[in-house]
């Protein structure tokens, strides 16, 4: 079987199974199966697929048709122009989260101490460490997630200090200049209606934020009052329904509250200033 035929057959199987972007998915899975970049197919469409390559490709197609996310099959996902290792112990980094990184970069000054709460794969913390001259800390309650994050930091040569902790419980008072978080914010009541790729494969601990999805916002705001230095900044990624409740949680103590929208025009990032 040639690579061209393998791609055509894989695309058809994925399309019949209702998988989004079937051609691209087939290309990604075949590239992973044979250890080649996708561009190789266009230069060598008539190359024969080896028996071992077919075995791997067939397995990956079956896994994707069963609902396993492509990123968990290939064990990688691009974020902010860099390739991160991912797996079922961490949430797959989304392009929308790059808006949180951009907002944080605008606040971070050289020498600042930055904290990423609920770091998961480490995508936010590692990106901020590589893009700034800040000292970056990152916490997560999941040891399995921290192992993935540490691996990513090692691969990308980023200096991040990872700590196993529940939110900011290990951080000293008034020691952080910029606190960022993409917290679990899916309402537990939304679980039955989630895409199966999310519901059945991504870690619940990184998804659900209580009955209304707001529990972690409230906890992090409360802890940030202690760990942020006067004049510090708090930045959240927002759920679709979170902007008004989070504003209310901040109350009158915080100033310069601003909401950034994503490319779809939805509120995506909230930033707030703790006055000196």
C-alpha atoms as a PDB file:
ATOM      1  CA  UNK A   1       0.000   0.000   0.000  1.00  0.00           C
ATOM      2  CA  UNK A   2       1.342   3.437  -0.913  1.00  0.00           C
ATOM      3  CA  UNK A   3       1.274   6.450   1.375  1.00  0.00           C
ATOM      4  CA  UNK A   4      -1.271   8.094  -0.934  1.00  0.00           C
ATOM      5  CA  UNK A   5      -3.610   5.108  -0.683  1.00  0.00           C
ATOM      6  CA  UNK A   6      -3.145   4.906   3.076  1.00  0.00           C
ATOM      7  CA  UNK A   7      -4.090   8.558   3.421  1.00  0.00           C
ATOM      8  CA  UNK A   8      -7.168   8.142   1.238  1.00  0.00           C
ATOM      9  CA  UNK A   9      -8.351   5.100   3.173  1.00  0.00           C
ATOM     10  CA  UNK A  10      -7.669   6.699   6.540  1.00  0.00           C
ATOM     11  CA  UNK A  11      -9.466   9.884   5.532  1.00  0.00           C
ATOM     12  CA  UNK A  12     -12.510   7.895   4.426  1.00  0.00           C
ATOM     13  CA  UNK A  13     -12.654   5.917   7.673  1.00  0.00           C
ATOM     14  CA  UNK A  14     -12.418   9.068   9.778  1.00  0.00           C
ATOM     15  CA  UNK A  15     -14.992  10.883   7.671  1.00  0.00           C
ATOM     16  CA  UNK A  16     -17.463   8.005   7.981  1.00  0.00           C
ATOM     17  CA  UNK A  17     -16.948   8.047  11.747  1.00  0.00           C
ATOM     18  CA  UNK A  18     -17.788  11.750  11.911  1.00  0.00           C
ATOM     19  CA  UNK A  19     -14.308  12.864  12.962  1.00  0.00           C
ATOM     20  CA  UNK A  20     -13.608  16.552  12.327  1.00  0.00           C
ATOM     21  CA  UNK A  21     -10.996  17.515   9.704  1.00  0.00           C
ATOM     22  CA  UNK A  22     -10.544  13.889   8.597  1.00  0.00           C
ATOM     23  CA  UNK A  23      -7.833  14.530   5.975  1.00  0.00           C
ATOM     24  CA  UNK A  24      -5.641  16.533   8.362  1.00  0.00           C
ATOM     25  CA  UNK A  25      -6.161  13.988  11.117  1.00  0.00           C
ATOM     26  CA  UNK A  26      -5.204  11.139   8.778  1.00  0.00           C
ATOM     27  CA  UNK A  27      -2.047  12.998   7.777  1.00  0.00           C
ATOM     28  CA  UNK A  28      -1.056  13.651  11.387  1.00  0.00           C
ATOM     29  CA  UNK A  29      -1.648  10.033  12.409  1.00  0.00           C
ATOM     30  CA  UNK A  30       0.193   8.593   9.414  1.00  0.00           C
ATOM     31  CA  UNK A  31       3.125  10.947   9.966  1.00  0.00           C
ATOM     32  CA  UNK A  32       3.277   9.780  13.570  1.00  0.00           C
ATOM     33  CA  UNK A  33       3.066   6.130  12.502  1.00  0.00           C
ATOM     34  CA  UNK A  34       6.027   6.333  10.116  1.00  0.00           C
ATOM     35  CA  UNK A  35       8.081   8.945  11.991  1.00  0.00           C
ATOM     36  CA  UNK A  36       8.054  11.475   9.146  1.00  0.00           C
ATOM     37  CA  UNK A  37       6.784  15.053   8.781  1.00  0.00           C
ATOM     38  CA  UNK A  38       3.511  15.542   6.924  1.00  0.00           C
ATOM     39  CA  UNK A  39       5.348  17.221   4.039  1.00  0.00           C
ATOM     40  CA  UNK A  40       6.936  13.851   3.234  1.00  0.00           C
ATOM     41  CA  UNK A  41       3.643  12.570   1.813  1.00  0.00           C
ATOM     42  CA  UNK A  42       3.559  15.225  -0.896  1.00  0.00           C
ATOM     43  CA  UNK A  43       7.130  14.530  -1.997  1.00  0.00           C
ATOM     44  CA  UNK A  44       6.831  10.725  -1.858  1.00  0.00           C
ATOM     45  CA  UNK A  45       3.156   9.765  -2.367  1.00  0.00           C
ATOM     46  CA  UNK A  46       4.035   6.461  -4.058  1.00  0.00           C
ATOM     47  CA  UNK A  47       6.349   5.227  -1.317  1.00  0.00           C
ATOM     48  CA  UNK A  48       5.241   1.892   0.097  1.00  0.00           C
ATOM     49  CA  UNK A  49       3.918   1.831   3.642  1.00  0.00           C
ATOM     50  CA  UNK A  50       5.793  -0.792   5.642  1.00  0.00           C
ATOM     51  CA  UNK A  51       3.945  -3.512   7.502  1.00  0.00           C
ATOM     52  CA  UNK A  52       4.962  -2.005  10.830  1.00  0.00           C
ATOM     53  CA  UNK A  53       3.837   1.431   9.673  1.00  0.00           C
ATOM     54  CA  UNK A  54       0.457   0.008   8.684  1.00  0.00           C
ATOM     55  CA  UNK A  55       0.056  -1.684  12.078  1.00  0.00           C
ATOM     56  CA  UNK A  56       0.754   1.597  13.894  1.00  0.00           C
ATOM     57  CA  UNK A  57      -1.407   3.641  11.531  1.00  0.00           C
ATOM     58  CA  UNK A  58      -4.318   1.223  11.854  1.00  0.00           C
ATOM     59  CA  UNK A  59      -4.101   1.349  15.646  1.00  0.00           C
ATOM     60  CA  UNK A  60      -4.027   5.137  15.698  1.00  0.00           C
ATOM     61  CA  UNK A  61      -7.010   5.369  13.357  1.00  0.00           C
ATOM     62  CA  UNK A  62      -8.968   2.990  15.585  1.00  0.00           C
ATOM     63  CA  UNK A  63      -8.092   4.989  18.700  1.00  0.00           C
ATOM     64  CA  UNK A  64      -9.181   8.252  17.066  1.00  0.00           C
ATOM     65  CA  UNK A  65     -12.448   6.733  15.825  1.00  0.00           C
ATOM     66  CA  UNK A  66     -13.096   5.534  19.390  1.00  0.00           C
ATOM     67  CA  UNK A  67     -12.788   9.158  20.539  1.00  0.00           C
ATOM     68  CA  UNK A  68      -9.219   9.427  21.807  1.00  0.00           C
ATOM     69  CA  UNK A  69      -7.913  12.936  21.012  1.00  0.00           C
ATOM     70  CA  UNK A  70      -5.250  13.116  18.327  1.00  0.00           C
ATOM     71  CA  UNK A  71      -2.928  14.919  20.747  1.00  0.00           C
ATOM     72  CA  UNK A  72      -3.046  12.010  23.197  1.00  0.00           C
ATOM     73  CA  UNK A  73      -2.229   9.613  20.367  1.00  0.00           C
ATOM     74  CA  UNK A  74       0.752  11.608  19.085  1.00  0.00           C
ATOM     75  CA  UNK A  75       1.636  12.806  22.622  1.00  0.00           C
ATOM     76  CA  UNK A  76       2.279  16.356  21.460  1.00  0.00           C
ATOM     77  CA  UNK A  77       0.554  19.689  20.981  1.00  0.00           C
ATOM     78  CA  UNK A  78       1.849  23.030  19.748  1.00  0.00           C
ATOM     79  CA  UNK A  79       1.406  26.051  21.986  1.00  0.00           C
ATOM     80  CA  UNK A  80       2.769  29.528  21.345  1.00  0.00           C
ATOM     81  CA  UNK A  81       5.014  28.176  18.600  1.00  0.00           C
ATOM     82  CA  UNK A  82       6.554  25.389  20.688  1.00  0.00           C
ATOM     83  CA  UNK A  83       5.867  21.671  20.856  1.00  0.00           C
ATOM     84  CA  UNK A  84       4.706  20.361  24.240  1.00  0.00           C
ATOM     85  CA  UNK A  85       4.422  16.782  25.419  1.00  0.00           C
ATOM     86  CA  UNK A  86       0.870  15.956  26.511  1.00  0.00           C
ATOM     87  CA  UNK A  87      -0.916  12.900  27.816  1.00  0.00           C
ATOM     88  CA  UNK A  88      -4.045  11.866  29.703  1.00  0.00           C
ATOM     89  CA  UNK A  89      -2.666  13.324  32.953  1.00  0.00           C
ATOM     90  CA  UNK A  90      -2.881  16.890  31.616  1.00  0.00           C
ATOM     91  CA  UNK A  91      -5.349  19.067  29.776  1.00  0.00           C
ATOM     92  CA  UNK A  92      -4.521  19.589  26.098  1.00  0.00           C
ATOM     93  CA  UNK A  93      -3.339  23.219  25.699  1.00  0.00           C
ATOM     94  CA  UNK A  94      -5.814  25.229  23.636  1.00  0.00           C
ATOM     95  CA  UNK A  95      -5.012  28.081  21.242  1.00  0.00           C
ATOM     96  CA  UNK A  96      -7.409  30.305  23.213  1.00  0.00           C
ATOM     97  CA  UNK A  97      -5.097  30.119  26.218  1.00  0.00           C
ATOM     98  CA  UNK A  98      -2.467  32.022  24.238  1.00  0.00           C
ATOM     99  CA  UNK A  99      -4.614  35.114  24.939  1.00  0.00           C
ATOM    100  CA  UNK A 100      -3.843  34.642  28.642  1.00  0.00           C
ATOM    101  CA  UNK A 101      -0.122  34.431  27.851  1.00  0.00           C
ATOM    102  CA  UNK A 102      -0.278  37.610  25.763  1.00  0.00           C
ATOM    103  CA  UNK A 103      -2.062  39.507  28.535  1.00  0.00           C
ATOM    104  CA  UNK A 104       0.453  38.293  31.125  1.00  0.00           C
ATOM    105  CA  UNK A 105       3.423  39.253  28.948  1.00  0.00           C
ATOM    106  CA  UNK A 106       2.124  42.822  28.894  1.00  0.00           C
ATOM    107  CA  UNK A 107       2.256  42.946  32.714  1.00  0.00           C
ATOM    108  CA  UNK A 108       5.497  41.108  33.510  1.00  0.00           C
ATOM    109  CA  UNK A 109       8.605  43.209  34.134  1.00  0.00           C
ATOM    110  CA  UNK A 110      12.228  41.934  34.224  1.00  0.00           C
ATOM    111  CA  UNK A 111      12.918  40.372  37.602  1.00  0.00           C
ATOM    112  CA  UNK A 112       9.255  39.847  38.488  1.00  0.00           C
ATOM    113  CA  UNK A 113       8.163  36.721  40.313  1.00  0.00           C
ATOM    114  CA  UNK A 114       5.356  34.998  38.422  1.00  0.00           C
ATOM    115  CA  UNK A 115       3.080  32.199  39.650  1.00  0.00           C
ATOM    116  CA  UNK A 116       1.058  29.867  37.409  1.00  0.00           C
ATOM    117  CA  UNK A 117      -1.618  28.040  39.413  1.00  0.00           C
ATOM    118  CA  UNK A 118      -2.786  24.677  38.055  1.00  0.00           C
ATOM    119  CA  UNK A 119       0.034  24.417  35.545  1.00  0.00           C
ATOM    120  CA  UNK A 120      -0.899  21.052  33.969  1.00  0.00           C
ATOM    121  CA  UNK A 121       1.455  20.508  31.034  1.00  0.00           C
ATOM    122  CA  UNK A 122       3.382  23.617  32.041  1.00  0.00           C
ATOM    123  CA  UNK A 123       2.505  25.380  28.781  1.00  0.00           C
ATOM    124  CA  UNK A 124       1.723  28.754  30.374  1.00  0.00           C
ATOM    125  CA  UNK A 125       4.562  28.784  32.915  1.00  0.00           C
ATOM    126  CA  UNK A 126       7.179  27.556  30.450  1.00  0.00           C
ATOM    127  CA  UNK A 127       6.110  30.052  27.786  1.00  0.00           C
ATOM    128  CA  UNK A 128       6.286  32.932  30.257  1.00  0.00           C
ATOM    129  CA  UNK A 129       9.712  31.788  31.453  1.00  0.00           C
ATOM    130  CA  UNK A 130      11.040  31.626  27.901  1.00  0.00           C
ATOM    131  CA  UNK A 131       9.480  34.903  26.778  1.00  0.00           C
ATOM    132  CA  UNK A 132      10.462  37.051  29.779  1.00  0.00           C
ATOM    133  CA  UNK A 133      13.233  37.623  32.317  1.00  0.00           C
ATOM    134  CA  UNK A 134      10.936  36.734  35.203  1.00  0.00           C
ATOM    135  CA  UNK A 135      11.400  34.062  37.842  1.00  0.00           C
ATOM    136  CA  UNK A 136       8.513  31.661  37.266  1.00  0.00           C
ATOM    137  CA  UNK A 137       6.877  29.304  39.742  1.00  0.00           C
ATOM    138  CA  UNK A 138       4.121  26.812  38.954  1.00  0.00           C
ATOM    139  CA  UNK A 139       1.880  24.703  41.164  1.00  0.00           C
ATOM    140  CA  UNK A 140      -0.378  21.740  40.592  1.00  0.00           C
ATOM    141  CA  UNK A 141      -2.072  19.305  42.935  1.00  0.00           C
ATOM    142  CA  UNK A 142      -1.411  16.436  40.519  1.00  0.00           C
ATOM    143  CA  UNK A 143       2.015  14.833  40.748  1.00  0.00           C
ATOM    144  CA  UNK A 144       1.404  13.130  37.396  1.00  0.00           C
ATOM    145  CA  UNK A 145       0.791  16.514  35.763  1.00  0.00           C
ATOM    146  CA  UNK A 146       3.925  17.967  37.357  1.00  0.00           C
ATOM    147  CA  UNK A 147       5.994  15.158  35.868  1.00  0.00           C
ATOM    148  CA  UNK A 148       4.713  16.100  32.414  1.00  0.00           C
ATOM    149  CA  UNK A 149       5.377  19.787  33.083  1.00  0.00           C
ATOM    150  CA  UNK A 150       8.913  19.094  34.312  1.00  0.00           C
ATOM    151  CA  UNK A 151       9.600  17.027  31.193  1.00  0.00           C
ATOM    152  CA  UNK A 152       8.432  19.889  28.998  1.00  0.00           C
ATOM    153  CA  UNK A 153      10.581  22.389  30.886  1.00  0.00           C
ATOM    154  CA  UNK A 154      13.610  20.130  30.461  1.00  0.00           C
ATOM    155  CA  UNK A 155      12.986  19.626  26.733  1.00  0.00           C
ATOM    156  CA  UNK A 156      12.471  23.338  26.102  1.00  0.00           C
ATOM    157  CA  UNK A 157      15.251  24.454  28.474  1.00  0.00           C
ATOM    158  CA  UNK A 158      12.964  26.639  30.541  1.00  0.00           C
ATOM    159  CA  UNK A 159      13.705  27.597  34.140  1.00  0.00           C
ATOM    160  CA  UNK A 160      10.499  27.022  36.065  1.00  0.00           C
ATOM    161  CA  UNK A 161      10.225  25.985  39.719  1.00  0.00           C
ATOM    162  CA  UNK A 162       7.433  23.414  40.025  1.00  0.00           C
ATOM    163  CA  UNK A 163       5.745  22.737  43.356  1.00  0.00           C
ATOM    164  CA  UNK A 164       3.143  20.143  44.304  1.00  0.00           C
ATOM    165  CA  UNK A 165       0.480  22.158  46.109  1.00  0.00           C
ATOM    166  CA  UNK A 166      -3.213  22.948  46.301  1.00  0.00           C
ATOM    167  CA  UNK A 167      -3.415  26.285  44.460  1.00  0.00           C
ATOM    168  CA  UNK A 168      -1.132  28.833  46.194  1.00  0.00           C
ATOM    169  CA  UNK A 169      -0.997  27.141  49.599  1.00  0.00           C
ATOM    170  CA  UNK A 170       2.809  26.821  49.483  1.00  0.00           C
ATOM    171  CA  UNK A 171       3.556  30.406  48.441  1.00  0.00           C
ATOM    172  CA  UNK A 172       4.725  32.980  50.946  1.00  0.00           C
ATOM    173  CA  UNK A 173       2.779  36.197  51.581  1.00  0.00           C
ATOM    174  CA  UNK A 174       3.376  39.157  49.271  1.00  0.00           C
ATOM    175  CA  UNK A 175       5.952  37.252  47.225  1.00  0.00           C
ATOM    176  CA  UNK A 176       4.405  37.279  43.738  1.00  0.00           C
ATOM    177  CA  UNK A 177       4.152  40.125  41.221  1.00  0.00           C
ATOM    178  CA  UNK A 178       1.954  38.448  38.589  1.00  0.00           C
ATOM    179  CA  UNK A 179      -0.380  35.511  39.216  1.00  0.00           C
ATOM    180  CA  UNK A 180      -1.875  33.678  36.242  1.00  0.00           C
ATOM    181  CA  UNK A 181      -4.250  30.746  36.092  1.00  0.00           C
ATOM    182  CA  UNK A 182      -6.331  28.763  33.655  1.00  0.00           C
ATOM    183  CA  UNK A 183      -8.357  27.059  36.372  1.00  0.00           C
ATOM    184  CA  UNK A 184     -10.833  24.183  36.054  1.00  0.00           C
ATOM    185  CA  UNK A 185     -14.008  25.987  35.032  1.00  0.00           C
ATOM    186  CA  UNK A 186     -16.406  23.544  33.402  1.00  0.00           C
ATOM    187  CA  UNK A 187     -19.635  23.235  35.436  1.00  0.00           C
ATOM    188  CA  UNK A 188     -20.069  19.676  36.663  1.00  0.00           C
ATOM    189  CA  UNK A 189     -23.642  19.799  35.358  1.00  0.00           C
ATOM    190  CA  UNK A 190     -22.258  20.207  31.816  1.00  0.00           C
ATOM    191  CA  UNK A 191     -20.400  16.880  31.946  1.00  0.00           C
ATOM    192  CA  UNK A 192     -22.986  14.765  30.053  1.00  0.00           C
ATOM    193  CA  UNK A 193     -23.042  17.177  27.128  1.00  0.00           C
ATOM    194  CA  UNK A 194     -19.301  17.542  26.628  1.00  0.00           C
ATOM    195  CA  UNK A 195     -17.596  16.208  23.521  1.00  0.00           C
ATOM    196  CA  UNK A 196     -16.554  12.611  24.164  1.00  0.00           C
ATOM    197  CA  UNK A 197     -12.919  13.565  23.454  1.00  0.00           C
ATOM    198  CA  UNK A 198     -13.075  15.864  26.466  1.00  0.00           C
ATOM    199  CA  UNK A 199     -15.523  13.975  28.704  1.00  0.00           C
ATOM    200  CA  UNK A 200     -13.949  10.533  28.356  1.00  0.00           C
ATOM    201  CA  UNK A 201     -10.259  11.340  28.014  1.00  0.00           C
ATOM    202  CA  UNK A 202      -9.159  14.621  29.574  1.00  0.00           C
ATOM    203  CA  UNK A 203      -8.504  14.615  33.346  1.00  0.00           C
ATOM    204  CA  UNK A 204     -11.528  15.557  35.411  1.00  0.00           C
ATOM    205  CA  UNK A 205      -9.343  17.308  37.994  1.00  0.00           C
ATOM    206  CA  UNK A 206      -8.340  19.830  35.330  1.00  0.00           C
ATOM    207  CA  UNK A 207     -11.834  20.290  33.894  1.00  0.00           C
ATOM    208  CA  UNK A 208     -14.515  20.698  36.514  1.00  0.00           C
ATOM    209  CA  UNK A 209     -14.845  23.701  38.785  1.00  0.00           C
ATOM    210  CA  UNK A 210     -17.797  22.720  40.918  1.00  0.00           C
ATOM    211  CA  UNK A 211     -21.538  22.812  40.152  1.00  0.00           C
ATOM    212  CA  UNK A 212     -21.357  26.159  38.336  1.00  0.00           C
ATOM    213  CA  UNK A 213     -17.694  26.044  37.319  1.00  0.00           C
ATOM    214  CA  UNK A 214     -16.800  28.994  39.566  1.00  0.00           C
ATOM    215  CA  UNK A 215     -15.282  27.365  42.654  1.00  0.00           C
ATOM    216  CA  UNK A 216     -11.634  27.828  41.708  1.00  0.00           C
ATOM    217  CA  UNK A 217     -12.030  31.465  40.704  1.00  0.00           C
ATOM    218  CA  UNK A 218     -13.272  32.282  44.170  1.00  0.00           C
ATOM    219  CA  UNK A 219     -10.523  30.317  45.907  1.00  0.00           C
ATOM    220  CA  UNK A 220      -7.734  31.781  43.790  1.00  0.00           C
ATOM    221  CA  UNK A 221      -8.978  35.342  44.256  1.00  0.00           C
ATOM    222  CA  UNK A 222      -9.010  34.773  48.009  1.00  0.00           C
ATOM    223  CA  UNK A 223      -5.474  33.339  48.064  1.00  0.00           C
ATOM    224  CA  UNK A 224      -4.102  35.961  45.674  1.00  0.00           C
ATOM    225  CA  UNK A 225      -4.875  38.680  48.198  1.00  0.00           C
ATOM    226  CA  UNK A 226      -2.232  37.057  50.383  1.00  0.00           C
ATOM    227  CA  UNK A 227       0.469  36.002  47.926  1.00  0.00           C
ATOM    228  CA  UNK A 228       0.437  39.031  45.607  1.00  0.00           C
ATOM    229  CA  UNK A 229       2.597  41.995  46.412  1.00  0.00           C
ATOM    230  CA  UNK A 230       0.785  45.342  46.589  1.00  0.00           C
ATOM    231  CA  UNK A 231       0.628  46.556  43.026  1.00  0.00           C
ATOM    232  CA  UNK A 232       0.548  43.009  41.661  1.00  0.00           C
ATOM    233  CA  UNK A 233      -1.632  41.593  38.894  1.00  0.00           C
ATOM    234  CA  UNK A 234      -4.068  38.689  38.755  1.00  0.00           C
ATOM    235  CA  UNK A 235      -4.991  37.182  35.373  1.00  0.00           C
ATOM    236  CA  UNK A 236      -7.534  34.434  34.646  1.00  0.00           C
ATOM    237  CA  UNK A 237      -8.697  32.556  31.615  1.00  0.00           C
ATOM    238  CA  UNK A 238     -12.480  32.872  31.645  1.00  0.00           C
ATOM    239  CA  UNK A 239     -15.238  30.376  31.076  1.00  0.00           C
ATOM    240  CA  UNK A 240     -18.044  31.497  28.771  1.00  0.00           C
ATOM    241  CA  UNK A 241     -20.268  32.244  31.777  1.00  0.00           C
ATOM    242  CA  UNK A 242     -17.678  33.535  34.228  1.00  0.00           C
ATOM    243  CA  UNK A 243     -17.032  37.194  33.463  1.00  0.00           C
ATOM    244  CA  UNK A 244     -19.823  38.713  35.564  1.00  0.00           C
ATOM    245  CA  UNK A 245     -19.461  36.337  38.546  1.00  0.00           C
ATOM    246  CA  UNK A 246     -15.688  36.847  38.634  1.00  0.00           C
ATOM    247  CA  UNK A 247     -16.096  40.607  38.509  1.00  0.00           C
ATOM    248  CA  UNK A 248     -18.468  40.335  41.453  1.00  0.00           C
ATOM    249  CA  UNK A 249     -15.983  38.185  43.395  1.00  0.00           C
ATOM    250  CA  UNK A 250     -13.282  40.826  42.979  1.00  0.00           C
ATOM    251  CA  UNK A 251     -15.457  43.471  44.614  1.00  0.00           C
ATOM    252  CA  UNK A 252     -14.123  46.997  45.159  1.00  0.00           C
ATOM    253  CA  UNK A 253     -10.685  45.933  46.431  1.00  0.00           C
ATOM    254  CA  UNK A 254      -9.294  45.417  42.914  1.00  0.00           C
ATOM    255  CA  UNK A 255      -8.795  48.106  40.279  1.00  0.00           C
ATOM    256  CA  UNK A 256      -8.049  48.359  36.550  1.00  0.00           C
ATOM    257  CA  UNK A 257     -10.226  45.331  35.833  1.00  0.00           C
ATOM    258  CA  UNK A 258     -10.152  44.599  32.113  1.00  0.00           C
ATOM    259  CA  UNK A 259     -11.589  41.795  29.996  1.00  0.00           C
ATOM    260  CA  UNK A 260      -9.911  40.665  26.760  1.00  0.00           C
ATOM    261  CA  UNK A 261     -11.915  38.908  24.068  1.00  0.00           C
ATOM    262  CA  UNK A 262     -10.740  36.064  21.852  1.00  0.00           C
ATOM    263  CA  UNK A 263     -10.886  35.892  18.062  1.00  0.00           C
ATOM    264  CA  UNK A 264     -14.532  34.865  18.259  1.00  0.00           C
ATOM    265  CA  UNK A 265     -15.356  37.976  20.290  1.00  0.00           C
ATOM    266  CA  UNK A 266     -15.979  36.009  23.494  1.00  0.00           C
ATOM    267  CA  UNK A 267     -14.616  37.195  26.868  1.00  0.00           C
ATOM    268  CA  UNK A 268     -11.489  35.081  27.367  1.00  0.00           C
ATOM    269  CA  UNK A 269      -9.115  36.774  29.837  1.00  0.00           C
ATOM    270  CA  UNK A 270      -9.726  38.929  32.884  1.00  0.00           C
ATOM    271  CA  UNK A 271      -6.981  40.959  34.523  1.00  0.00           C
ATOM    272  CA  UNK A 272      -7.175  42.811  37.821  1.00  0.00           C
ATOM    273  CA  UNK A 273      -4.747  45.037  39.761  1.00  0.00           C
ATOM    274  CA  UNK A 274      -4.179  44.872  43.522  1.00  0.00           C
ATOM    275  CA  UNK A 275      -3.447  48.480  44.450  1.00  0.00           C
ATOM    276  CA  UNK A 276      -0.354  49.321  46.446  1.00  0.00           C
END
